Amino acid sequence: MVEHRGRTWLLYHAWPEGAEGSVTPGRQLWLDEVTWADGRPVVHGPTSAPQRRP
């Protein structure tokens, strides 16, 4: 996880839906925001579409 300007982000590798385990396009780097509810992390994603950087 990465914190930037008071927000928390999760960077991770994943396959696009329907391409699990394939070489093309292969795993991609995904970025999703993490918020906290009752002290537990909540990941807002997965988001496979391009996003603006935080």
N, C-alpha and C. Protein backbone atom coordinates (compact mmCIF):
# COMPACT_ATOMS: atom_id res chain seq x y z
N MET A 1 0.84 -1.17 0.00
CA MET A 1 0.00 0.00 0.00
C MET A 1 0.89 1.24 0.00
N VAL A 2 0.35 2.29 -0.56
CA VAL A 2 1.06 3.55 -0.69
C VAL A 2 0.16 4.67 -0.16
N GLU A 3 0.73 5.57 0.60
CA GLU A 3 -0.02 6.73 1.05
C GLU A 3 0.47 7.96 0.30
N HIS A 4 -0.47 8.77 -0.14
CA HIS A 4 -0.13 9.98 -0.88
C HIS A 4 -1.18 11.04 -0.57
N ARG A 5 -0.73 12.16 -0.04
CA ARG A 5 -1.62 13.28 0.28
C ARG A 5 -2.81 12.86 1.15
N GLY A 6 -2.53 12.03 2.14
CA GLY A 6 -3.56 11.63 3.08
C GLY A 6 -4.50 10.53 2.60
N ARG A 7 -4.25 10.00 1.42
CA ARG A 7 -5.08 8.91 0.89
C ARG A 7 -4.23 7.65 0.77
N THR A 8 -4.86 6.50 0.87
CA THR A 8 -4.16 5.22 0.80
C THR A 8 -4.53 4.52 -0.50
N TRP A 9 -3.52 3.96 -1.17
CA TRP A 9 -3.71 3.29 -2.45
C TRP A 9 -3.08 1.91 -2.42
N LEU A 10 -3.69 0.98 -3.11
CA LEU A 10 -3.17 -0.38 -3.24
C LEU A 10 -2.73 -0.58 -4.68
N LEU A 11 -1.46 -0.93 -4.86
CA LEU A 11 -0.93 -1.28 -6.18
C LEU A 11 -0.77 -2.79 -6.21
N TYR A 12 -1.28 -3.43 -7.26
CA TYR A 12 -1.19 -4.89 -7.33
C TYR A 12 -1.27 -5.34 -8.78
N HIS A 13 -0.80 -6.56 -9.02
CA HIS A 13 -0.88 -7.15 -10.36
C HIS A 13 -2.10 -8.05 -10.43
N ALA A 14 -2.79 -8.01 -11.57
CA ALA A 14 -3.95 -8.87 -11.76
C ALA A 14 -4.17 -9.09 -13.26
N TRP A 15 -4.89 -10.14 -13.58
CA TRP A 15 -5.27 -10.39 -14.96
C TRP A 15 -6.61 -9.72 -15.24
N PRO A 16 -6.80 -9.20 -16.44
CA PRO A 16 -8.13 -8.68 -16.81
C PRO A 16 -9.15 -9.82 -16.79
N GLU A 17 -10.40 -9.47 -16.52
CA GLU A 17 -11.46 -10.48 -16.49
C GLU A 17 -11.52 -11.22 -17.81
N GLY A 18 -11.61 -12.54 -17.73
CA GLY A 18 -11.67 -13.38 -18.92
C GLY A 18 -10.31 -13.75 -19.48
N ALA A 19 -9.23 -13.18 -18.93
CA ALA A 19 -7.88 -13.48 -19.42
C ALA A 19 -7.01 -14.07 -18.31
N GLU A 20 -7.66 -14.62 -17.27
CA GLU A 20 -6.93 -15.15 -16.14
C GLU A 20 -5.95 -16.23 -16.59
N GLY A 21 -4.69 -16.07 -16.20
CA GLY A 21 -3.67 -17.06 -16.51
C GLY A 21 -3.07 -16.94 -17.90
N SER A 22 -3.54 -16.02 -18.72
CA SER A 22 -3.02 -15.91 -20.08
C SER A 22 -1.73 -15.11 -20.12
N VAL A 23 -1.00 -15.28 -21.20
CA VAL A 23 0.24 -14.53 -21.41
C VAL A 23 -0.07 -13.19 -22.08
N THR A 24 -1.06 -13.16 -22.94
CA THR A 24 -1.44 -11.93 -23.63
C THR A 24 -2.84 -11.54 -23.19
N PRO A 25 -3.10 -10.45 -22.55
CA PRO A 25 -2.15 -9.37 -22.29
C PRO A 25 -1.31 -9.60 -21.05
N GLY A 26 -1.52 -10.66 -20.32
CA GLY A 26 -0.74 -10.90 -19.11
C GLY A 26 -1.25 -10.08 -17.94
N ARG A 27 -0.57 -10.24 -16.83
CA ARG A 27 -0.96 -9.47 -15.65
C ARG A 27 -0.65 -8.00 -15.87
N GLN A 28 -1.47 -7.16 -15.29
CA GLN A 28 -1.29 -5.72 -15.41
C GLN A 28 -1.19 -5.12 -14.02
N LEU A 29 -0.61 -3.93 -13.94
CA LEU A 29 -0.52 -3.22 -12.67
C LEU A 29 -1.81 -2.43 -12.48
N TRP A 30 -2.50 -2.69 -11.39
CA TRP A 30 -3.76 -2.00 -11.10
C TRP A 30 -3.59 -1.14 -9.87
N LEU A 31 -4.39 -0.11 -9.77
CA LEU A 31 -4.33 0.86 -8.68
C LEU A 31 -5.75 1.10 -8.18
N ASP A 32 -5.96 0.90 -6.89
CA ASP A 32 -7.27 1.15 -6.29
C ASP A 32 -7.10 1.86 -4.96
N GLU A 33 -8.04 2.75 -4.68
CA GLU A 33 -7.99 3.46 -3.40
C GLU A 33 -8.49 2.56 -2.28
N VAL A 34 -7.90 2.74 -1.12
CA VAL A 34 -8.29 2.02 0.08
C VAL A 34 -8.81 3.03 1.08
N THR A 35 -10.00 2.78 1.61
CA THR A 35 -10.53 3.59 2.71
C THR A 35 -10.65 2.67 3.91
N TRP A 36 -10.99 3.24 5.04
CA TRP A 36 -11.03 2.47 6.28
C TRP A 36 -12.42 2.58 6.91
N ALA A 37 -12.98 1.44 7.28
CA ALA A 37 -14.29 1.38 7.93
C ALA A 37 -14.13 0.54 9.20
N ASP A 38 -14.38 1.14 10.33
CA ASP A 38 -14.23 0.45 11.61
C ASP A 38 -12.85 -0.17 11.77
N GLY A 39 -11.82 0.54 11.29
CA GLY A 39 -10.45 0.07 11.42
C GLY A 39 -10.04 -1.00 10.43
N ARG A 40 -10.92 -1.32 9.49
CA ARG A 40 -10.62 -2.36 8.49
C ARG A 40 -10.51 -1.73 7.12
N PRO A 41 -9.59 -2.24 6.28
CA PRO A 41 -9.42 -1.68 4.94
C PRO A 41 -10.56 -2.08 4.01
N VAL A 42 -10.98 -1.15 3.16
CA VAL A 42 -11.99 -1.41 2.13
C VAL A 42 -11.36 -1.00 0.81
N VAL A 43 -11.15 -1.96 -0.09
CA VAL A 43 -10.54 -1.67 -1.39
C VAL A 43 -11.65 -1.34 -2.38
N HIS A 44 -11.52 -0.20 -3.03
CA HIS A 44 -12.52 0.24 -4.01
C HIS A 44 -12.08 -0.22 -5.39
N GLY A 45 -12.46 -1.41 -5.74
CA GLY A 45 -12.06 -2.00 -7.00
C GLY A 45 -12.47 -3.46 -7.02
N PRO A 46 -11.98 -4.25 -7.93
CA PRO A 46 -10.86 -3.94 -8.78
C PRO A 46 -11.24 -3.01 -9.92
N THR A 47 -10.28 -2.21 -10.30
CA THR A 47 -10.47 -1.26 -11.39
C THR A 47 -9.47 -1.59 -12.49
N SER A 48 -9.95 -2.15 -13.57
CA SER A 48 -9.04 -2.54 -14.66
C SER A 48 -8.90 -1.45 -15.71
N ALA A 49 -9.76 -0.45 -15.66
CA ALA A 49 -9.68 0.65 -16.65
C ALA A 49 -8.59 1.62 -16.26
N PRO A 50 -8.00 2.31 -17.22
CA PRO A 50 -6.99 3.33 -16.90
C PRO A 50 -7.56 4.38 -15.96
N GLN A 51 -6.71 4.87 -15.05
CA GLN A 51 -7.11 5.88 -14.08
C GLN A 51 -6.08 7.00 -14.06
N ARG A 52 -6.52 8.13 -13.60
CA ARG A 52 -5.60 9.23 -13.37
C ARG A 52 -4.76 8.90 -12.16
N ARG A 53 -3.53 9.30 -12.17
CA ARG A 53 -2.69 9.04 -11.01
C ARG A 53 -3.16 9.90 -9.84
N PRO A 54 -2.92 9.44 -8.62
CA PRO A 54 -3.36 10.21 -7.44
C PRO A 54 -2.57 11.50 -7.30
